[in-house]
């Protein structure tokens, strides 16, 4: 088994490289308060985008202000960070996959709609070192809602869509990547992901 249908593989962070921390926190908080998890997740995501935090146009205080207005729930930065950060648990098998890809000559990158929390999570868990580049919407001012973010990442990595694999747990992001010509994998669990990689890039599954 060997080879790869791509020159570069792009990994989403929350929900792929790591367990999804932000939305899980919102759902858990709703359940603890006897509220509807779906509505809480929607309110939190809306506050994140409305505050501009995910695009580097706002900060934590802006997010908390929007969240308070939407839910009536007042939180401190420290409370949010503690609860969100502890839920972003990095998946060792994903880091091993990235390491095997690089050893086989396939470039790897994180492509994530995140805030500067991603940098702080890396300082705690040291996962950036498993990737050649990190593309974070907070630093680029553009997100995966826009094809231009994918194009920017591929250009910086020096690869064409036809020689790129993109992995994300968000179906909208996966569909947009596929529309650009990338081989797009919807992450819905470890077993299906490994089957997809065995088809597209067996090198990711080989032992060192």
C-alpha atoms as a PDB file:
ATOM      1  CA  UNK A   1       0.000   0.000   0.000  1.00  0.00           C
ATOM      2  CA  UNK A   2       1.395   3.397  -0.863  1.00  0.00           C
ATOM      3  CA  UNK A   3       1.082   6.597  -2.783  1.00  0.00           C
ATOM      4  CA  UNK A   4      -1.287   9.514  -2.663  1.00  0.00           C
ATOM      5  CA  UNK A   5      -3.607  11.194  -5.132  1.00  0.00           C
ATOM      6  CA  UNK A   6      -2.590  14.599  -3.778  1.00  0.00           C
ATOM      7  CA  UNK A   7       0.446  16.784  -3.191  1.00  0.00           C
ATOM      8  CA  UNK A   8      -1.150  18.459  -0.163  1.00  0.00           C
ATOM      9  CA  UNK A   9      -3.782  17.620   2.440  1.00  0.00           C
ATOM     10  CA  UNK A  10      -5.711  20.353   4.279  1.00  0.00           C
ATOM     11  CA  UNK A  11      -7.180  19.526   7.690  1.00  0.00           C
ATOM     12  CA  UNK A  12      -9.905  21.429   9.532  1.00  0.00           C
ATOM     13  CA  UNK A  13      -9.052  21.867  13.220  1.00  0.00           C
ATOM     14  CA  UNK A  14     -12.153  21.655  15.427  1.00  0.00           C
ATOM     15  CA  UNK A  15     -14.017  18.469  14.549  1.00  0.00           C
ATOM     16  CA  UNK A  16     -11.117  16.932  12.594  1.00  0.00           C
ATOM     17  CA  UNK A  17      -7.649  17.454  14.097  1.00  0.00           C
ATOM     18  CA  UNK A  18      -9.332  17.851  17.484  1.00  0.00           C
ATOM     19  CA  UNK A  19     -12.707  17.244  19.039  1.00  0.00           C
ATOM     20  CA  UNK A  20     -14.985  20.229  18.432  1.00  0.00           C
ATOM     21  CA  UNK A  21     -14.648  22.381  21.550  1.00  0.00           C
ATOM     22  CA  UNK A  22     -16.714  25.493  20.971  1.00  0.00           C
ATOM     23  CA  UNK A  23     -20.008  23.977  19.833  1.00  0.00           C
ATOM     24  CA  UNK A  24     -19.711  21.144  22.355  1.00  0.00           C
ATOM     25  CA  UNK A  25     -19.333  23.711  25.143  1.00  0.00           C
ATOM     26  CA  UNK A  26     -22.421  25.553  23.952  1.00  0.00           C
ATOM     27  CA  UNK A  27     -24.476  22.345  23.823  1.00  0.00           C
ATOM     28  CA  UNK A  28     -23.228  21.223  27.240  1.00  0.00           C
ATOM     29  CA  UNK A  29     -23.992  24.615  28.763  1.00  0.00           C
ATOM     30  CA  UNK A  30     -27.525  24.527  27.367  1.00  0.00           C
ATOM     31  CA  UNK A  31     -28.185  21.077  28.786  1.00  0.00           C
ATOM     32  CA  UNK A  32     -26.842  22.113  32.182  1.00  0.00           C
ATOM     33  CA  UNK A  33     -29.276  25.039  32.183  1.00  0.00           C
ATOM     34  CA  UNK A  34     -32.231  23.051  30.885  1.00  0.00           C
ATOM     35  CA  UNK A  35     -32.198  24.871  27.550  1.00  0.00           C
ATOM     36  CA  UNK A  36     -32.341  23.628  23.959  1.00  0.00           C
ATOM     37  CA  UNK A  37     -28.790  22.731  22.820  1.00  0.00           C
ATOM     38  CA  UNK A  38     -29.510  23.492  19.155  1.00  0.00           C
ATOM     39  CA  UNK A  39     -30.712  27.005  19.907  1.00  0.00           C
ATOM     40  CA  UNK A  40     -27.708  27.663  22.151  1.00  0.00           C
ATOM     41  CA  UNK A  41     -25.257  26.477  19.509  1.00  0.00           C
ATOM     42  CA  UNK A  42     -26.928  28.701  16.931  1.00  0.00           C
ATOM     43  CA  UNK A  43     -26.816  31.702  19.283  1.00  0.00           C
ATOM     44  CA  UNK A  44     -23.158  31.127  20.057  1.00  0.00           C
ATOM     45  CA  UNK A  45     -22.155  30.710  16.442  1.00  0.00           C
ATOM     46  CA  UNK A  46     -24.136  33.798  15.451  1.00  0.00           C
ATOM     47  CA  UNK A  47     -22.435  35.807  18.201  1.00  0.00           C
ATOM     48  CA  UNK A  48     -19.021  34.601  17.053  1.00  0.00           C
ATOM     49  CA  UNK A  49     -19.628  35.779  13.494  1.00  0.00           C
ATOM     50  CA  UNK A  50     -21.528  38.967  14.393  1.00  0.00           C
ATOM     51  CA  UNK A  51     -18.701  40.048  16.714  1.00  0.00           C
ATOM     52  CA  UNK A  52     -16.135  39.666  13.933  1.00  0.00           C
ATOM     53  CA  UNK A  53     -14.002  37.543  16.257  1.00  0.00           C
ATOM     54  CA  UNK A  54     -13.507  34.696  13.788  1.00  0.00           C
ATOM     55  CA  UNK A  55     -12.230  37.112  11.126  1.00  0.00           C
ATOM     56  CA  UNK A  56      -9.924  39.085  13.408  1.00  0.00           C
ATOM     57  CA  UNK A  57     -12.215  42.119  13.353  1.00  0.00           C
ATOM     58  CA  UNK A  58     -13.323  41.758  16.954  1.00  0.00           C
ATOM     59  CA  UNK A  59     -12.174  40.176  20.184  1.00  0.00           C
ATOM     60  CA  UNK A  60     -13.385  38.139  23.122  1.00  0.00           C
ATOM     61  CA  UNK A  61     -15.171  41.099  24.679  1.00  0.00           C
ATOM     62  CA  UNK A  62     -17.092  41.695  21.448  1.00  0.00           C
ATOM     63  CA  UNK A  63     -18.123  38.044  21.315  1.00  0.00           C
ATOM     64  CA  UNK A  64     -19.275  38.057  24.948  1.00  0.00           C
ATOM     65  CA  UNK A  65     -21.300  41.230  24.346  1.00  0.00           C
ATOM     66  CA  UNK A  66     -23.069  39.671  21.378  1.00  0.00           C
ATOM     67  CA  UNK A  67     -23.623  36.436  23.268  1.00  0.00           C
ATOM     68  CA  UNK A  68     -25.151  38.272  26.238  1.00  0.00           C
ATOM     69  CA  UNK A  69     -27.483  40.190  23.939  1.00  0.00           C
ATOM     70  CA  UNK A  70     -28.628  36.972  22.259  1.00  0.00           C
ATOM     71  CA  UNK A  71     -28.991  34.738  25.314  1.00  0.00           C
ATOM     72  CA  UNK A  72     -29.056  36.886  28.444  1.00  0.00           C
ATOM     73  CA  UNK A  73     -26.139  34.810  29.767  1.00  0.00           C
ATOM     74  CA  UNK A  74     -23.226  36.773  31.213  1.00  0.00           C
ATOM     75  CA  UNK A  75     -19.835  35.055  31.146  1.00  0.00           C
ATOM     76  CA  UNK A  76     -16.243  36.051  31.764  1.00  0.00           C
ATOM     77  CA  UNK A  77     -13.374  35.501  29.346  1.00  0.00           C
ATOM     78  CA  UNK A  78     -11.778  33.143  31.841  1.00  0.00           C
ATOM     79  CA  UNK A  79     -14.923  31.016  32.131  1.00  0.00           C
ATOM     80  CA  UNK A  80     -15.290  30.694  28.376  1.00  0.00           C
ATOM     81  CA  UNK A  81     -11.639  29.878  27.755  1.00  0.00           C
ATOM     82  CA  UNK A  82     -11.545  27.221  30.449  1.00  0.00           C
ATOM     83  CA  UNK A  83     -14.650  25.449  29.201  1.00  0.00           C
ATOM     84  CA  UNK A  84     -13.887  25.730  25.477  1.00  0.00           C
ATOM     85  CA  UNK A  85     -10.179  24.929  25.615  1.00  0.00           C
ATOM     86  CA  UNK A  86     -10.610  21.755  27.670  1.00  0.00           C
ATOM     87  CA  UNK A  87     -13.016  20.392  25.060  1.00  0.00           C
ATOM     88  CA  UNK A  88     -10.633  20.912  22.118  1.00  0.00           C
ATOM     89  CA  UNK A  89      -8.925  17.557  22.643  1.00  0.00           C
ATOM     90  CA  UNK A  90      -6.422  16.796  19.872  1.00  0.00           C
ATOM     91  CA  UNK A  91      -6.826  13.385  18.208  1.00  0.00           C
ATOM     92  CA  UNK A  92      -3.462  11.561  18.218  1.00  0.00           C
ATOM     93  CA  UNK A  93      -4.387   9.449  15.193  1.00  0.00           C
ATOM     94  CA  UNK A  94      -4.877  12.623  13.137  1.00  0.00           C
ATOM     95  CA  UNK A  95      -1.436  13.910  14.073  1.00  0.00           C
ATOM     96  CA  UNK A  96       0.013  10.502  13.191  1.00  0.00           C
ATOM     97  CA  UNK A  97      -1.740  10.715   9.833  1.00  0.00           C
ATOM     98  CA  UNK A  98      -0.214  14.145   9.185  1.00  0.00           C
ATOM     99  CA  UNK A  99       3.221  12.868  10.167  1.00  0.00           C
ATOM    100  CA  UNK A 100       2.994   9.920   7.774  1.00  0.00           C
ATOM    101  CA  UNK A 101       1.883  12.186   4.959  1.00  0.00           C
ATOM    102  CA  UNK A 102       4.870  14.468   5.431  1.00  0.00           C
ATOM    103  CA  UNK A 103       7.214  11.493   5.603  1.00  0.00           C
ATOM    104  CA  UNK A 104       5.796  10.388   2.230  1.00  0.00           C
ATOM    105  CA  UNK A 105       6.450  13.834   0.723  1.00  0.00           C
ATOM    106  CA  UNK A 106       2.856  15.095   0.939  1.00  0.00           C
ATOM    107  CA  UNK A 107       2.490  18.610   2.371  1.00  0.00           C
ATOM    108  CA  UNK A 108       0.015  19.186   5.210  1.00  0.00           C
ATOM    109  CA  UNK A 109      -1.817  22.246   6.499  1.00  0.00           C
ATOM    110  CA  UNK A 110      -4.516  23.268   8.925  1.00  0.00           C
ATOM    111  CA  UNK A 111      -7.281  25.293   7.254  1.00  0.00           C
ATOM    112  CA  UNK A 112      -9.566  26.566   9.994  1.00  0.00           C
ATOM    113  CA  UNK A 113     -12.189  29.169  10.800  1.00  0.00           C
ATOM    114  CA  UNK A 114     -10.798  30.025  14.214  1.00  0.00           C
ATOM    115  CA  UNK A 115      -9.746  32.883  16.476  1.00  0.00           C
ATOM    116  CA  UNK A 116      -6.399  33.490  18.171  1.00  0.00           C
ATOM    117  CA  UNK A 117      -7.537  30.732  20.522  1.00  0.00           C
ATOM    118  CA  UNK A 118      -5.988  28.343  17.989  1.00  0.00           C
ATOM    119  CA  UNK A 119      -2.540  29.826  18.667  1.00  0.00           C
ATOM    120  CA  UNK A 120      -3.070  29.530  22.404  1.00  0.00           C
ATOM    121  CA  UNK A 121      -4.256  25.948  22.089  1.00  0.00           C
ATOM    122  CA  UNK A 122      -1.070  25.169  20.148  1.00  0.00           C
ATOM    123  CA  UNK A 123       1.036  26.671  22.917  1.00  0.00           C
ATOM    124  CA  UNK A 124      -0.670  24.238  25.305  1.00  0.00           C
ATOM    125  CA  UNK A 125      -0.770  21.146  23.079  1.00  0.00           C
ATOM    126  CA  UNK A 126       1.962  21.726  20.450  1.00  0.00           C
ATOM    127  CA  UNK A 127       0.220  20.424  17.327  1.00  0.00           C
ATOM    128  CA  UNK A 128       1.276  23.028  14.729  1.00  0.00           C
ATOM    129  CA  UNK A 129       4.627  21.223  14.394  1.00  0.00           C
ATOM    130  CA  UNK A 130       2.844  18.347  12.644  1.00  0.00           C
ATOM    131  CA  UNK A 131       1.828  20.630   9.750  1.00  0.00           C
ATOM    132  CA  UNK A 132       3.736  22.588   7.129  1.00  0.00           C
ATOM    133  CA  UNK A 133       1.441  25.607   7.308  1.00  0.00           C
ATOM    134  CA  UNK A 134      -1.530  26.883   9.329  1.00  0.00           C
ATOM    135  CA  UNK A 135      -4.265  28.987   7.735  1.00  0.00           C
ATOM    136  CA  UNK A 136      -6.464  30.611  10.373  1.00  0.00           C
ATOM    137  CA  UNK A 137      -9.380  32.864   9.395  1.00  0.00           C
ATOM    138  CA  UNK A 138      -8.569  35.169  12.326  1.00  0.00           C
ATOM    139  CA  UNK A 139      -5.200  36.076  10.801  1.00  0.00           C
ATOM    140  CA  UNK A 140      -6.281  36.149   7.154  1.00  0.00           C
ATOM    141  CA  UNK A 141      -9.571  38.048   7.565  1.00  0.00           C
ATOM    142  CA  UNK A 142     -11.386  35.553   5.358  1.00  0.00           C
ATOM    143  CA  UNK A 143     -13.168  32.290   6.094  1.00  0.00           C
ATOM    144  CA  UNK A 144     -14.144  28.983   4.555  1.00  0.00           C
ATOM    145  CA  UNK A 145     -17.479  30.543   3.671  1.00  0.00           C
ATOM    146  CA  UNK A 146     -15.539  32.126   0.812  1.00  0.00           C
ATOM    147  CA  UNK A 147     -13.809  30.190  -1.983  1.00  0.00           C
ATOM    148  CA  UNK A 148     -10.995  32.744  -1.822  1.00  0.00           C
ATOM    149  CA  UNK A 149      -9.769  31.261   1.478  1.00  0.00           C
ATOM    150  CA  UNK A 150      -9.281  27.858  -0.128  1.00  0.00           C
ATOM    151  CA  UNK A 151      -7.597  29.461  -3.128  1.00  0.00           C
ATOM    152  CA  UNK A 152      -5.265  31.461  -0.880  1.00  0.00           C
ATOM    153  CA  UNK A 153      -4.263  28.315   1.021  1.00  0.00           C
ATOM    154  CA  UNK A 154      -3.617  26.303  -2.125  1.00  0.00           C
ATOM    155  CA  UNK A 155      -1.623  29.147  -3.652  1.00  0.00           C
ATOM    156  CA  UNK A 156       0.564  29.467  -0.544  1.00  0.00           C
ATOM    157  CA  UNK A 157       1.095  25.696  -0.562  1.00  0.00           C
ATOM    158  CA  UNK A 158       1.851  25.705  -4.297  1.00  0.00           C
ATOM    159  CA  UNK A 159      -0.749  23.079  -5.201  1.00  0.00           C
ATOM    160  CA  UNK A 160      -3.675  22.847  -7.612  1.00  0.00           C
ATOM    161  CA  UNK A 161      -7.202  21.843  -6.523  1.00  0.00           C
ATOM    162  CA  UNK A 162      -6.872  18.591  -8.460  1.00  0.00           C
ATOM    163  CA  UNK A 163      -3.856  17.635  -6.333  1.00  0.00           C
ATOM    164  CA  UNK A 164      -5.382  18.665  -3.003  1.00  0.00           C
ATOM    165  CA  UNK A 165      -7.391  16.827  -0.356  1.00  0.00           C
ATOM    166  CA  UNK A 166      -9.577  18.754   2.103  1.00  0.00           C
ATOM    167  CA  UNK A 167     -11.045  17.269   5.299  1.00  0.00           C
ATOM    168  CA  UNK A 168     -13.799  18.981   7.296  1.00  0.00           C
ATOM    169  CA  UNK A 169     -16.747  18.036   9.502  1.00  0.00           C
ATOM    170  CA  UNK A 170     -18.893  20.860   8.069  1.00  0.00           C
ATOM    171  CA  UNK A 171     -20.833  19.686   4.975  1.00  0.00           C
ATOM    172  CA  UNK A 172     -21.024  23.240   3.565  1.00  0.00           C
ATOM    173  CA  UNK A 173     -17.238  23.607   3.648  1.00  0.00           C
ATOM    174  CA  UNK A 174     -16.803  20.177   2.086  1.00  0.00           C
ATOM    175  CA  UNK A 175     -19.214  21.031  -0.735  1.00  0.00           C
ATOM    176  CA  UNK A 176     -17.446  24.324  -1.455  1.00  0.00           C
ATOM    177  CA  UNK A 177     -14.040  22.609  -1.573  1.00  0.00           C
ATOM    178  CA  UNK A 178     -15.409  19.963  -3.929  1.00  0.00           C
ATOM    179  CA  UNK A 179     -16.852  22.656  -6.195  1.00  0.00           C
ATOM    180  CA  UNK A 180     -13.318  24.036  -6.575  1.00  0.00           C
ATOM    181  CA  UNK A 181     -12.013  20.659  -7.727  1.00  0.00           C
ATOM    182  CA  UNK A 182     -10.492  19.487  -4.454  1.00  0.00           C
ATOM    183  CA  UNK A 183     -10.961  15.898  -3.250  1.00  0.00           C
ATOM    184  CA  UNK A 184     -13.187  16.681  -0.270  1.00  0.00           C
ATOM    185  CA  UNK A 185     -13.777  14.365   2.683  1.00  0.00           C
ATOM    186  CA  UNK A 186     -16.665  14.919   5.089  1.00  0.00           C
ATOM    187  CA  UNK A 187     -15.359  13.801   8.458  1.00  0.00           C
ATOM    188  CA  UNK A 188     -18.136  11.903  10.261  1.00  0.00           C
ATOM    189  CA  UNK A 189     -16.042   9.449  12.264  1.00  0.00           C
ATOM    190  CA  UNK A 190     -12.687   7.714  12.380  1.00  0.00           C
ATOM    191  CA  UNK A 191     -13.617   4.552  10.469  1.00  0.00           C
ATOM    192  CA  UNK A 192     -15.164   6.344   7.480  1.00  0.00           C
ATOM    193  CA  UNK A 193     -12.258   8.795   7.417  1.00  0.00           C
ATOM    194  CA  UNK A 194      -9.692   5.996   7.323  1.00  0.00           C
ATOM    195  CA  UNK A 195     -11.618   4.305   4.507  1.00  0.00           C
ATOM    196  CA  UNK A 196     -11.632   7.556   2.512  1.00  0.00           C
ATOM    197  CA  UNK A 197      -7.910   8.054   3.054  1.00  0.00           C
ATOM    198  CA  UNK A 198      -7.193   4.448   2.087  1.00  0.00           C
ATOM    199  CA  UNK A 199      -8.849   5.215  -1.239  1.00  0.00           C
ATOM    200  CA  UNK A 200      -7.315   8.647  -1.867  1.00  0.00           C
ATOM    201  CA  UNK A 201      -4.012   8.576  -0.053  1.00  0.00           C
ATOM    202  CA  UNK A 202      -2.860   5.217   1.351  1.00  0.00           C
ATOM    203  CA  UNK A 203       0.448   6.795   2.384  1.00  0.00           C
ATOM    204  CA  UNK A 204      -1.429   8.453   5.239  1.00  0.00           C
ATOM    205  CA  UNK A 205      -2.131   5.052   6.771  1.00  0.00           C
ATOM    206  CA  UNK A 206       1.235   3.376   6.441  1.00  0.00           C
ATOM    207  CA  UNK A 207       3.506   2.765   9.388  1.00  0.00           C
ATOM    208  CA  UNK A 208       6.662   4.842   9.543  1.00  0.00           C
END
